[in-house]
Amino acid sequence: MKTKWIASTEAQNNFGRLLDDTIQNRTRYIIKRRNVAQALLISIVDLERLLVGNEAERQQIAKIIHEAKPTYTIGNMLVEDEE
């Protein structure tokens, strides 16, 4: 099972192909807008596996979601205060 990144405009323009690939090949798509992950396209079969309790699948999806989330940091630490 593959997981691919795709821009939202590309997903819109190729939605039929994405659906076919998702259903037939169980490919998962992380859809990005402005270079930030916004949605995940998975098949009903994959969703059922997650809901019914396939723990390995659940952990794999959790890892994908965690890696896809943007991380934000403000400022850079130059010197750490010593007390």
PDB file of N, CA and C in Angstrom:
ATOM      1  N   MET A   1       0.851  -1.173   0.000  1.00  0.00           N
ATOM      2  CA  MET A   1       0.000   0.000   0.000  1.00  0.00           C
ATOM      3  C   MET A   1       0.897   1.237   0.000  1.00  0.00           C
ATOM      4  N   LYS A   2       0.652   2.147  -0.918  1.00  0.00           N
ATOM      5  CA  LYS A   2       1.464   3.346  -1.066  1.00  0.00           C
ATOM      6  C   LYS A   2       0.737   4.551  -0.488  1.00  0.00           C
ATOM      7  N   THR A   3       1.525   5.518  -0.061  1.00  0.00           N
ATOM      8  CA  THR A   3       0.990   6.811   0.348  1.00  0.00           C
ATOM      9  C   THR A   3       1.699   7.862  -0.486  1.00  0.00           C
ATOM     10  N   LYS A   4       0.924   8.734  -1.118  1.00  0.00           N
ATOM     11  CA  LYS A   4       1.491   9.765  -1.989  1.00  0.00           C
ATOM     12  C   LYS A   4       1.001  11.139  -1.555  1.00  0.00           C
ATOM     13  N   TRP A   5       1.838  12.148  -1.795  1.00  0.00           N
ATOM     14  CA  TRP A   5       1.464  13.550  -1.603  1.00  0.00           C
ATOM     15  C   TRP A   5       0.930  14.080  -2.921  1.00  0.00           C
ATOM     16  N   ILE A   6      -0.068  14.974  -2.860  1.00  0.00           N
ATOM     17  CA  ILE A   6      -0.572  15.608  -4.070  1.00  0.00           C
ATOM     18  C   ILE A   6      -1.102  16.997  -3.709  1.00  0.00           C
ATOM     19  N   ALA A   7      -0.869  17.959  -4.586  1.00  0.00           N
ATOM     20  CA  ALA A   7      -1.380  19.318  -4.383  1.00  0.00           C
ATOM     21  C   ALA A   7      -2.889  19.318  -4.613  1.00  0.00           C
ATOM     22  N   SER A   8      -3.590  20.198  -3.916  1.00  0.00           N
ATOM     23  CA  SER A   8      -5.055  20.217  -4.007  1.00  0.00           C
ATOM     24  C   SER A   8      -5.538  20.504  -5.429  1.00  0.00           C
ATOM     25  N   THR A   9      -4.866  21.381  -6.154  1.00  0.00           N
ATOM     26  CA  THR A   9      -5.293  21.668  -7.529  1.00  0.00           C
ATOM     27  C   THR A   9      -5.086  20.453  -8.429  1.00  0.00           C
ATOM     28  N   GLU A  10      -3.989  19.744  -8.233  1.00  0.00           N
ATOM     29  CA  GLU A  10      -3.750  18.527  -9.008  1.00  0.00           C
ATOM     30  C   GLU A  10      -4.787  17.458  -8.651  1.00  0.00           C
ATOM     31  N   ALA A  11      -5.150  17.385  -7.373  1.00  0.00           N
ATOM     32  CA  ALA A  11      -6.177  16.432  -6.938  1.00  0.00           C
ATOM     33  C   ALA A  11      -7.524  16.767  -7.588  1.00  0.00           C
ATOM     34  N   GLN A  12      -7.860  18.054  -7.648  1.00  0.00           N
ATOM     35  CA  GLN A  12      -9.115  18.471  -8.284  1.00  0.00           C
ATOM     36  C   GLN A  12      -9.129  18.074  -9.755  1.00  0.00           C
ATOM     37  N   ASN A  13      -8.018  18.355 -10.436  1.00  0.00           N
ATOM     38  CA  ASN A  13      -7.947  18.097 -11.873  1.00  0.00           C
ATOM     39  C   ASN A  13      -7.911  16.611 -12.218  1.00  0.00           C
ATOM     40  N   ASN A  14      -7.514  15.772 -11.275  1.00  0.00           N
ATOM     41  CA  ASN A  14      -7.362  14.339 -11.534  1.00  0.00           C
ATOM     42  C   ASN A  14      -8.156  13.484 -10.549  1.00  0.00           C
ATOM     43  N   PHE A  15      -9.285  14.006 -10.078  1.00  0.00           N
ATOM     44  CA  PHE A  15     -10.017  13.325  -9.019  1.00  0.00           C
ATOM     45  C   PHE A  15     -10.445  11.911  -9.413  1.00  0.00           C
ATOM     46  N   GLY A  16     -10.889  11.715 -10.627  1.00  0.00           N
ATOM     47  CA  GLY A  16     -11.300  10.385 -11.086  1.00  0.00           C
ATOM     48  C   GLY A  16     -10.158   9.387 -11.015  1.00  0.00           C
ATOM     49  N   ARG A  17      -8.984   9.821 -11.447  1.00  0.00           N
ATOM     50  CA  ARG A  17      -7.799   8.952 -11.380  1.00  0.00           C
ATOM     51  C   ARG A  17      -7.426   8.632  -9.941  1.00  0.00           C
ATOM     52  N   LEU A  18      -7.501   9.640  -9.072  1.00  0.00           N
ATOM     53  CA  LEU A  18      -7.194   9.416  -7.656  1.00  0.00           C
ATOM     54  C   LEU A  18      -8.152   8.392  -7.060  1.00  0.00           C
ATOM     55  N   LEU A  19      -9.441   8.546  -7.356  1.00  0.00           N
ATOM     56  CA  LEU A  19     -10.425   7.586  -6.853  1.00  0.00           C
ATOM     57  C   LEU A  19     -10.118   6.174  -7.336  1.00  0.00           C
ATOM     58  N   ASP A  20      -9.844   6.045  -8.629  1.00  0.00           N
ATOM     59  CA  ASP A  20      -9.527   4.725  -9.176  1.00  0.00           C
ATOM     60  C   ASP A  20      -8.302   4.126  -8.500  1.00  0.00           C
ATOM     61  N   ASP A  21      -7.251   4.926  -8.351  1.00  0.00           N
ATOM     62  CA  ASP A  21      -6.013   4.451  -7.731  1.00  0.00           C
ATOM     63  C   ASP A  21      -6.241   4.091  -6.266  1.00  0.00           C
ATOM     64  N   THR A  22      -7.035   4.892  -5.582  1.00  0.00           N
ATOM     65  CA  THR A  22      -7.329   4.640  -4.170  1.00  0.00           C
ATOM     66  C   THR A  22      -8.123   3.346  -4.000  1.00  0.00           C
ATOM     67  N   ILE A  23      -9.104   3.144  -4.840  1.00  0.00           N
ATOM     68  CA  ILE A  23      -9.963   1.962  -4.728  1.00  0.00           C
ATOM     69  C   ILE A  23      -9.259   0.699  -5.231  1.00  0.00           C
ATOM     70  N   GLN A  24      -8.667   0.780  -6.415  1.00  0.00           N
ATOM     71  CA  GLN A  24      -8.094  -0.416  -7.034  1.00  0.00           C
ATOM     72  C   GLN A  24      -6.749  -0.825  -6.435  1.00  0.00           C
ATOM     73  N   ASN A  25      -5.925   0.151  -6.072  1.00  0.00           N
ATOM     74  CA  ASN A  25      -4.565  -0.144  -5.608  1.00  0.00           C
ATOM     75  C   ASN A  25      -4.346   0.153  -4.134  1.00  0.00           C
ATOM     76  N   ARG A  26      -5.401   0.617  -3.456  1.00  0.00           N
ATOM     77  CA  ARG A  26      -5.332   0.988  -2.039  1.00  0.00           C
ATOM     78  C   ARG A  26      -4.262   2.052  -1.783  1.00  0.00           C
ATOM     79  N   THR A  27      -4.056   2.944  -2.744  1.00  0.00           N
ATOM     80  CA  THR A  27      -3.129   4.053  -2.564  1.00  0.00           C
ATOM     81  C   THR A  27      -3.800   5.106  -1.705  1.00  0.00           C
ATOM     82  N   ARG A  28      -3.057   5.648  -0.768  1.00  0.00           N
ATOM     83  CA  ARG A  28      -3.557   6.734   0.081  1.00  0.00           C
ATOM     84  C   ARG A  28      -2.939   8.035  -0.418  1.00  0.00           C
ATOM     85  N   TYR A  29      -3.740   9.086  -0.430  1.00  0.00           N
ATOM     86  CA  TYR A  29      -3.259  10.390  -0.881  1.00  0.00           C
ATOM     87  C   TYR A  29      -3.369  11.409   0.241  1.00  0.00           C
ATOM     88  N   ILE A  30      -2.266  12.072   0.519  1.00  0.00           N
ATOM     89  CA  ILE A  30      -2.261  13.222   1.422  1.00  0.00           C
ATOM     90  C   ILE A  30      -2.383  14.441   0.523  1.00  0.00           C
ATOM     91  N   ILE A  31      -3.440  15.202   0.719  1.00  0.00           N
ATOM     92  CA  ILE A  31      -3.717  16.358  -0.135  1.00  0.00           C
ATOM     93  C   ILE A  31      -3.216  17.611   0.559  1.00  0.00           C
ATOM     94  N   LYS A  32      -2.355  18.343  -0.161  1.00  0.00           N
ATOM     95  CA  LYS A  32      -1.756  19.549   0.403  1.00  0.00           C
ATOM     96  C   LYS A  32      -2.325  20.791  -0.265  1.00  0.00           C
ATOM     97  N   ARG A  33      -2.501  21.820   0.529  1.00  0.00           N
ATOM     98  CA  ARG A  33      -2.884  23.140   0.029  1.00  0.00           C
ATOM     99  C   ARG A  33      -1.884  24.124   0.604  1.00  0.00           C
ATOM    100  N   ARG A  34      -1.312  24.929  -0.280  1.00  0.00           N
ATOM    101  CA  ARG A  34      -0.259  25.877   0.120  1.00  0.00           C
ATOM    102  C   ARG A  34       0.875  25.145   0.845  1.00  0.00           C
ATOM    103  N   ASN A  35       1.186  23.963   0.331  1.00  0.00           N
ATOM    104  CA  ASN A  35       2.286  23.135   0.828  1.00  0.00           C
ATOM    105  C   ASN A  35       2.090  22.625   2.253  1.00  0.00           C
ATOM    106  N   VAL A  36       0.843  22.593   2.731  1.00  0.00           N
ATOM    107  CA  VAL A  36       0.531  22.078   4.064  1.00  0.00           C
ATOM    108  C   VAL A  36      -0.510  20.967   3.910  1.00  0.00           C
ATOM    109  N   ALA A  37      -0.276  19.839   4.552  1.00  0.00           N
ATOM    110  CA  ALA A  37      -1.220  18.720   4.485  1.00  0.00           C
ATOM    111  C   ALA A  37      -2.566  19.151   5.060  1.00  0.00           C
ATOM    112  N   GLN A  38      -3.636  18.902   4.300  1.00  0.00           N
ATOM    113  CA  GLN A  38      -4.970  19.317   4.714  1.00  0.00           C
ATOM    114  C   GLN A  38      -5.952  18.159   4.830  1.00  0.00           C
ATOM    115  N   ALA A  39      -5.758  17.101   4.020  1.00  0.00           N
ATOM    116  CA  ALA A  39      -6.727  16.002   4.009  1.00  0.00           C
ATOM    117  C   ALA A  39      -6.042  14.708   3.594  1.00  0.00           C
ATOM    118  N   LEU A  40      -6.718  13.609   3.895  1.00  0.00           N
ATOM    119  CA  LEU A  40      -6.220  12.284   3.544  1.00  0.00           C
ATOM    120  C   LEU A  40      -7.319  11.546   2.795  1.00  0.00           C
ATOM    121  N   LEU A  41      -7.020  11.051   1.607  1.00  0.00           N
ATOM    122  CA  LEU A  41      -7.976  10.281   0.819  1.00  0.00           C
ATOM    123  C   LEU A  41      -7.622   8.805   0.961  1.00  0.00           C
ATOM    124  N   ILE A  42      -8.556   8.036   1.546  1.00  0.00           N
ATOM    125  CA  ILE A  42      -8.364   6.595   1.695  1.00  0.00           C
ATOM    126  C   ILE A  42      -9.623   5.881   1.221  1.00  0.00           C
ATOM    127  N   SER A  43      -9.484   4.608   0.918  1.00  0.00           N
ATOM    128  CA  SER A  43     -10.636   3.831   0.454  1.00  0.00           C
ATOM    129  C   SER A  43     -11.538   3.455   1.629  1.00  0.00           C
ATOM    130  N   ILE A  44     -12.757   3.077   1.310  1.00  0.00           N
ATOM    131  CA  ILE A  44     -13.699   2.594   2.326  1.00  0.00           C
ATOM    132  C   ILE A  44     -13.133   1.347   3.001  1.00  0.00           C
ATOM    133  N   VAL A  45     -12.476   0.489   2.236  1.00  0.00           N
ATOM    134  CA  VAL A  45     -11.873  -0.728   2.793  1.00  0.00           C
ATOM    135  C   VAL A  45     -10.847  -0.358   3.866  1.00  0.00           C
ATOM    136  N   ASP A  46      -9.992   0.629   3.570  1.00  0.00           N
ATOM    137  CA  ASP A  46      -9.004   1.072   4.560  1.00  0.00           C
ATOM    138  C   ASP A  46      -9.685   1.678   5.785  1.00  0.00           C
ATOM    139  N   LEU A  47     -10.729   2.458   5.559  1.00  0.00           N
ATOM    140  CA  LEU A  47     -11.453   3.059   6.677  1.00  0.00           C
ATOM    141  C   LEU A  47     -12.072   1.976   7.562  1.00  0.00           C
ATOM    142  N   GLU A  48     -12.667   0.973   6.953  1.00  0.00           N
ATOM    143  CA  GLU A  48     -13.243  -0.131   7.727  1.00  0.00           C
ATOM    144  C   GLU A  48     -12.177  -0.829   8.564  1.00  0.00           C
ATOM    145  N   ARG A  49     -11.008  -1.044   7.983  1.00  0.00           N
ATOM    146  CA  ARG A  49      -9.918  -1.680   8.730  1.00  0.00           C
ATOM    147  C   ARG A  49      -9.517  -0.842   9.934  1.00  0.00           C
ATOM    148  N   LEU A  50      -9.514   0.465   9.753  1.00  0.00           N
ATOM    149  CA  LEU A  50      -9.157   1.344  10.868  1.00  0.00           C
ATOM    150  C   LEU A  50     -10.220   1.304  11.958  1.00  0.00           C
ATOM    151  N   LEU A  51     -11.481   1.313  11.548  1.00  0.00           N
ATOM    152  CA  LEU A  51     -12.570   1.351  12.517  1.00  0.00           C
ATOM    153  C   LEU A  51     -12.805   0.011  13.202  1.00  0.00           C
ATOM    154  N   VAL A  52     -12.604  -1.077  12.487  1.00  0.00           N
ATOM    155  CA  VAL A  52     -12.864  -2.401  13.038  1.00  0.00           C
ATOM    156  C   VAL A  52     -11.771  -2.810  14.015  1.00  0.00           C
ATOM    157  N   GLY A  53     -10.595  -2.301  13.856  1.00  0.00           N
ATOM    158  CA  GLY A  53      -9.596  -2.566  14.875  1.00  0.00           C
ATOM    159  C   GLY A  53      -8.311  -3.205  14.423  1.00  0.00           C
ATOM    160  N   ASN A  54      -7.910  -3.035  13.184  1.00  0.00           N
ATOM    161  CA  ASN A  54      -6.611  -3.517  12.752  1.00  0.00           C
ATOM    162  C   ASN A  54      -5.559  -2.562  13.309  1.00  0.00           C
ATOM    163  N   GLU A  55      -4.944  -2.949  14.412  1.00  0.00           N
ATOM    164  CA  GLU A  55      -4.030  -2.060  15.137  1.00  0.00           C
ATOM    165  C   GLU A  55      -2.821  -1.658  14.300  1.00  0.00           C
ATOM    166  N   ALA A  56      -2.291  -2.564  13.505  1.00  0.00           N
ATOM    167  CA  ALA A  56      -1.129  -2.236  12.669  1.00  0.00           C
ATOM    168  C   ALA A  56      -1.486  -1.146  11.662  1.00  0.00           C
ATOM    169  N   GLU A  57      -2.657  -1.268  11.034  1.00  0.00           N
ATOM    170  CA  GLU A  57      -3.114  -0.245  10.081  1.00  0.00           C
ATOM    171  C   GLU A  57      -3.316   1.092  10.790  1.00  0.00           C
ATOM    172  N   ARG A  58      -3.908   1.034  11.972  1.00  0.00           N
ATOM    173  CA  ARG A  58      -4.162   2.251  12.739  1.00  0.00           C
ATOM    174  C   ARG A  58      -2.856   2.970  13.073  1.00  0.00           C
ATOM    175  N   GLN A  59      -1.854   2.210  13.487  1.00  0.00           N
ATOM    176  CA  GLN A  59      -0.566   2.809  13.828  1.00  0.00           C
ATOM    177  C   GLN A  59       0.112   3.392  12.593  1.00  0.00           C
ATOM    178  N   GLN A  60      -0.032   2.710  11.462  1.00  0.00           N
ATOM    179  CA  GLN A  60       0.564   3.214  10.227  1.00  0.00           C
ATOM    180  C   GLN A  60      -0.081   4.540   9.825  1.00  0.00           C
ATOM    181  N   ILE A  61      -1.406   4.622   9.894  1.00  0.00           N
ATOM    182  CA  ILE A  61      -2.101   5.874   9.567  1.00  0.00           C
ATOM    183  C   ILE A  61      -1.723   6.966  10.557  1.00  0.00           C
ATOM    184  N   ALA A  62      -1.643   6.633  11.838  1.00  0.00           N
ATOM    185  CA  ALA A  62      -1.256   7.625  12.851  1.00  0.00           C
ATOM    186  C   ALA A  62       0.131   8.175  12.554  1.00  0.00           C
ATOM    187  N   LYS A  63       1.032   7.325  12.128  1.00  0.00           N
ATOM    188  CA  LYS A  63       2.390   7.765  11.787  1.00  0.00           C
ATOM    189  C   LYS A  63       2.370   8.691  10.572  1.00  0.00           C
ATOM    190  N   ILE A  64       1.596   8.322   9.557  1.00  0.00           N
ATOM    191  CA  ILE A  64       1.482   9.151   8.352  1.00  0.00           C
ATOM    192  C   ILE A  64       0.916  10.520   8.708  1.00  0.00           C
ATOM    193  N   ILE A  65      -0.120  10.544   9.525  1.00  0.00           N
ATOM    194  CA  ILE A  65      -0.737  11.813   9.923  1.00  0.00           C
ATOM    195  C   ILE A  65       0.246  12.652  10.723  1.00  0.00           C
ATOM    196  N   HIS A  66       0.952  12.031  11.644  1.00  0.00           N
ATOM    197  CA  HIS A  66       1.930  12.760  12.463  1.00  0.00           C
ATOM    198  C   HIS A  66       3.023  13.370  11.588  1.00  0.00           C
ATOM    199  N   GLU A  67       3.521  12.602  10.624  1.00  0.00           N
ATOM    200  CA  GLU A  67       4.577  13.102   9.746  1.00  0.00           C
ATOM    201  C   GLU A  67       4.071  14.180   8.800  1.00  0.00           C
ATOM    202  N   ALA A  68       2.790  14.147   8.460  1.00  0.00           N
ATOM    203  CA  ALA A  68       2.232  15.114   7.520  1.00  0.00           C
ATOM    204  C   ALA A  68       1.873  16.437   8.175  1.00  0.00           C
ATOM    205  N   LYS A  69       1.693  16.428   9.502  1.00  0.00           N
ATOM    206  CA  LYS A  69       1.313  17.655  10.197  1.00  0.00           C
ATOM    207  C   LYS A  69       2.433  18.681  10.113  1.00  0.00           C
ATOM    208  N   PRO A  70       2.062  19.916   9.866  1.00  0.00           N
ATOM    209  CA  PRO A  70       3.094  20.951   9.878  1.00  0.00           C
ATOM    210  C   PRO A  70       3.554  21.216  11.308  1.00  0.00           C
ATOM    211  N   THR A  71       4.811  21.530  11.448  1.00  0.00           N
ATOM    212  CA  THR A  71       5.323  21.921  12.761  1.00  0.00           C
ATOM    213  C   THR A  71       5.724  23.383  12.674  1.00  0.00           C
ATOM    214  N   TYR A  72       5.347  24.115  13.673  1.00  0.00           N
ATOM    215  CA  TYR A  72       5.624  25.539  13.690  1.00  0.00           C
ATOM    216  C   TYR A  72       6.532  25.864  14.862  1.00  0.00           C
ATOM    217  N   THR A  73       7.548  26.627  14.587  1.00  0.00           N
ATOM    218  CA  THR A  73       8.393  27.146  15.653  1.00  0.00           C
ATOM    219  C   THR A  73       8.569  28.632  15.406  1.00  0.00           C
ATOM    220  N   ILE A  74       8.589  29.372  16.469  1.00  0.00           N
ATOM    221  CA  ILE A  74       8.747  30.818  16.357  1.00  0.00           C
ATOM    222  C   ILE A  74      10.071  31.193  16.987  1.00  0.00           C
ATOM    223  N   GLY A  75      10.886  31.827  16.224  1.00  0.00           N
ATOM    224  CA  GLY A  75      12.175  32.281  16.737  1.00  0.00           C
ATOM    225  C   GLY A  75      13.184  31.155  16.853  1.00  0.00           C
ATOM    226  N   ASN A  76      14.426  31.535  16.945  1.00  0.00           N
ATOM    227  CA  ASN A  76      15.512  30.579  17.116  1.00  0.00           C
ATOM    228  C   ASN A  76      16.219  30.870  18.417  1.00  0.00           C
ATOM    229  N   MET A  77      16.513  29.831  19.168  1.00  0.00           N
ATOM    230  CA  MET A  77      17.227  29.981  20.429  1.00  0.00           C
ATOM    231  C   MET A  77      18.697  30.237  20.110  1.00  0.00           C
ATOM    232  N   LEU A  78      19.213  31.375  20.560  1.00  0.00           N
ATOM    233  CA  LEU A  78      20.617  31.696  20.337  1.00  0.00           C
ATOM    234  C   LEU A  78      21.459  31.301  21.536  1.00  0.00           C
ATOM    235  N   VAL A  79      20.997  31.683  22.706  1.00  0.00           N
ATOM    236  CA  VAL A  79      21.715  31.372  23.939  1.00  0.00           C
ATOM    237  C   VAL A  79      20.689  30.915  24.957  1.00  0.00           C
ATOM    238  N   GLU A  80      20.977  29.816  25.614  1.00  0.00           N
ATOM    239  CA  GLU A  80      20.062  29.313  26.625  1.00  0.00           C
ATOM    240  C   GLU A  80      20.416  29.947  27.956  1.00  0.00           C
ATOM    241  N   ASP A  81      19.383  30.456  28.652  1.00  0.00           N
ATOM    242  CA  ASP A  81      19.612  31.071  29.962  1.00  0.00           C
ATOM    243  C   ASP A  81      20.060  30.024  30.960  1.00  0.00           C
ATOM    244  N   GLU A  82      21.067  30.369  31.754  1.00  0.00           N
ATOM    245  CA  GLU A  82      21.508  29.487  32.833  1.00  0.00           C
ATOM    246  C   GLU A  82      21.124  30.137  34.140  1.00  0.00           C
ATOM    247  N   GLU A  83      20.479  29.384  34.986  1.00  0.00           N
ATOM    248  CA  GLU A  83      20.057  29.947  36.272  1.00  0.00           C
ATOM    249  C   GLU A  83      20.665  29.192  37.396  1.00  0.00           C
TER     250      GLU A  83
END
